[in-house]
Amino acid sequence: MKKLKDIKSISALLNNEKAVKLIVAVGFAVIALILLSDLFSWSEKYDKHEKSTESALTLDAASYTEQLEIQLCDIISQIRGVGRVKVMVTLENLDETVPRVRGAAVVCEGGDDIFIKQKVVETVSKVLGISTARVSVTY
């Protein structure tokens, strides 16, 4: 019974022209507010991204370099004849979005042996995608 009353009251409301116009106007206002809030939040996110781009690139480059160095130490230490390993990777331009490896320096036990040195140079060259001239190995 109550549902029937609700349906009748809704039907009566929809038959009232002023009420329908008011409902439609409120609906458009809500949609406009939703769209505006999305625009403002996008703008704020974009501004924050722009402001933090320089520091983020520096942090990303630093963590990228550190990760490369760790991975290179792991792979180089697997080469027969290589003992303790330290690696330093340098990047070309830090202001670019995708940093490129400029070169690598490797200090390792066994680096004084010409054959081990060659294996290390070739490994680093292939892993980093740089020429062997950009890799320095010493002991």
Protein backbone atom coordinates (compact mmCIF):
# COMPACT_ATOMS: atom_id res chain seq x y z
CA MET A 1 0.00 0.00 0.00
CA LYS A 2 2.80 2.36 0.92
CA LYS A 3 4.59 1.59 -2.37
CA LEU A 4 1.45 2.49 -4.29
CA LYS A 5 1.26 5.84 -2.45
CA ASP A 6 4.92 6.51 -3.24
CA ILE A 7 4.37 5.73 -6.91
CA LYS A 8 1.31 8.01 -7.03
CA SER A 9 3.21 10.87 -5.35
CA ILE A 10 6.12 10.47 -7.78
CA SER A 11 3.70 10.38 -10.69
CA ALA A 12 1.97 13.51 -9.42
CA LEU A 13 5.34 15.22 -9.02
CA LEU A 14 6.32 14.34 -12.58
CA ASN A 15 3.04 15.74 -13.89
CA ASN A 16 3.88 19.08 -12.27
CA GLU A 17 5.83 21.06 -14.89
CA LYS A 18 7.67 23.26 -12.40
CA ALA A 19 8.86 20.23 -10.42
CA VAL A 20 10.20 18.53 -13.56
CA LYS A 21 12.08 21.68 -14.58
CA LEU A 22 13.53 21.95 -11.07
CA ILE A 23 14.65 18.29 -11.09
CA VAL A 24 16.26 18.68 -14.52
CA ALA A 25 18.01 21.91 -13.46
CA VAL A 26 19.35 20.29 -10.29
CA GLY A 27 20.56 17.31 -12.34
CA PHE A 28 22.45 19.57 -14.75
CA ALA A 29 23.96 21.50 -11.83
CA VAL A 30 25.21 18.26 -10.25
CA ILE A 31 26.73 17.10 -13.55
CA ALA A 32 28.42 20.50 -14.02
CA LEU A 33 29.88 20.35 -10.49
CA ILE A 34 31.23 16.85 -11.10
CA LEU A 35 32.89 17.93 -14.35
CA LEU A 36 34.38 21.04 -12.77
CA SER A 37 35.76 19.11 -9.82
CA ASP A 38 37.46 16.67 -12.21
CA LEU A 39 39.02 19.55 -14.12
CA PHE A 40 40.36 21.18 -10.96
CA SER A 41 41.74 17.96 -9.53
CA TRP A 42 43.43 17.15 -12.86
CA SER A 43 44.93 20.63 -12.96
CA GLU A 44 46.29 20.29 -9.41
CA LYS A 45 47.79 16.88 -10.21
CA TYR A 46 49.38 18.27 -13.38
CA ASP A 47 50.85 21.27 -11.52
CA LYS A 48 52.28 19.03 -8.79
CA HIS A 49 53.76 16.77 -11.46
CA GLU A 50 55.35 19.71 -13.27
CA LYS A 51 56.86 21.10 -10.07
CA SER A 52 58.30 17.79 -8.96
CA THR A 53 59.57 16.64 -12.37
CA GLU A 54 63.13 17.89 -11.89
CA SER A 55 63.60 16.34 -8.45
CA ALA A 56 61.81 13.16 -9.52
CA LEU A 57 64.12 12.75 -12.51
CA THR A 58 67.15 13.15 -10.26
CA LEU A 59 65.78 10.60 -7.81
CA ASP A 60 64.81 8.25 -10.58
CA ALA A 61 68.24 8.57 -12.19
CA ALA A 62 69.94 7.92 -8.87
CA SER A 63 67.85 4.85 -8.12
CA TYR A 64 68.26 3.65 -11.72
CA THR A 65 72.05 3.98 -11.44
CA GLU A 66 72.10 2.24 -8.08
CA GLN A 67 70.01 -0.64 -9.43
CA LEU A 68 72.31 -1.04 -12.44
CA GLU A 69 75.36 -1.09 -10.18
CA ILE A 70 73.85 -3.75 -7.92
CA GLN A 71 72.86 -5.94 -10.85
CA LEU A 72 76.27 -5.55 -12.50
CA CYS A 73 78.06 -6.47 -9.26
CA ASP A 74 75.91 -9.59 -9.05
CA ILE A 75 76.57 -10.71 -12.62
CA ILE A 76 80.29 -9.82 -12.64
CA SER A 77 80.90 -11.70 -9.40
CA GLN A 78 79.62 -14.85 -11.17
CA ILE A 79 82.49 -14.73 -13.67
CA ARG A 80 85.15 -17.32 -12.83
CA GLY A 81 88.23 -15.69 -11.33
CA VAL A 82 86.47 -12.55 -10.16
CA GLY A 83 86.49 -11.82 -6.43
CA ARG A 84 85.06 -8.76 -4.71
CA VAL A 85 83.48 -6.26 -7.10
CA LYS A 86 82.67 -2.54 -7.03
CA VAL A 87 80.89 -0.89 -9.95
CA MET A 88 80.16 2.73 -10.81
CA VAL A 89 77.80 3.61 -13.65
CA THR A 90 77.61 7.14 -15.08
CA LEU A 91 74.70 8.56 -17.04
CA GLU A 92 74.76 11.08 -19.89
CA ASN A 93 72.03 13.68 -19.38
CA LEU A 94 70.07 13.73 -16.15
CA ASP A 95 67.58 16.28 -17.52
CA GLU A 96 66.24 13.84 -20.12
CA THR A 97 63.32 11.63 -19.24
CA VAL A 98 65.17 8.48 -20.18
CA PRO A 99 68.76 8.60 -18.93
CA ARG A 100 71.40 6.87 -21.05
CA VAL A 101 74.44 5.09 -19.72
CA ARG A 102 77.64 6.95 -20.48
CA GLY A 103 80.07 4.41 -19.10
CA ALA A 104 81.03 2.07 -16.30
CA ALA A 105 84.03 1.58 -14.08
CA VAL A 106 84.64 -1.81 -12.49
CA VAL A 107 87.13 -2.53 -9.75
CA CYS A 108 87.40 -6.23 -9.03
CA GLU A 109 89.73 -8.86 -7.73
CA GLY A 110 91.05 -10.66 -10.78
CA GLY A 111 90.86 -7.52 -12.91
CA ASP A 112 94.62 -7.66 -13.41
CA ASP A 113 94.26 -10.88 -15.44
CA ILE A 114 93.84 -9.97 -19.12
CA PHE A 115 91.35 -12.80 -19.81
CA ILE A 116 89.16 -11.99 -16.81
CA LYS A 117 89.35 -8.31 -17.66
CA GLN A 118 88.15 -9.06 -21.20
CA LYS A 119 85.24 -11.14 -19.89
CA VAL A 120 84.21 -8.36 -17.52
CA VAL A 121 84.46 -5.70 -20.24
CA GLU A 122 82.35 -7.77 -22.65
CA THR A 123 79.76 -8.58 -19.99
CA VAL A 124 79.34 -4.95 -18.91
CA SER A 125 79.26 -3.79 -22.53
CA LYS A 126 76.49 -6.21 -23.44
CA VAL A 127 74.44 -5.66 -20.28
CA LEU A 128 74.51 -1.88 -20.56
CA GLY A 129 74.40 -1.71 -24.36
CA ILE A 130 77.51 0.46 -24.58
CA SER A 131 80.78 0.04 -26.49
CA THR A 132 83.68 -1.71 -24.81
CA ALA A 133 85.60 1.59 -25.01
CA ARG A 134 83.18 2.99 -22.40
CA VAL A 135 84.03 0.27 -19.85
CA SER A 136 87.02 0.48 -17.55
CA VAL A 137 88.16 -2.54 -15.52
CA THR A 138 90.91 -2.50 -12.97
CA TYR A 139 91.91 -4.36 -9.82
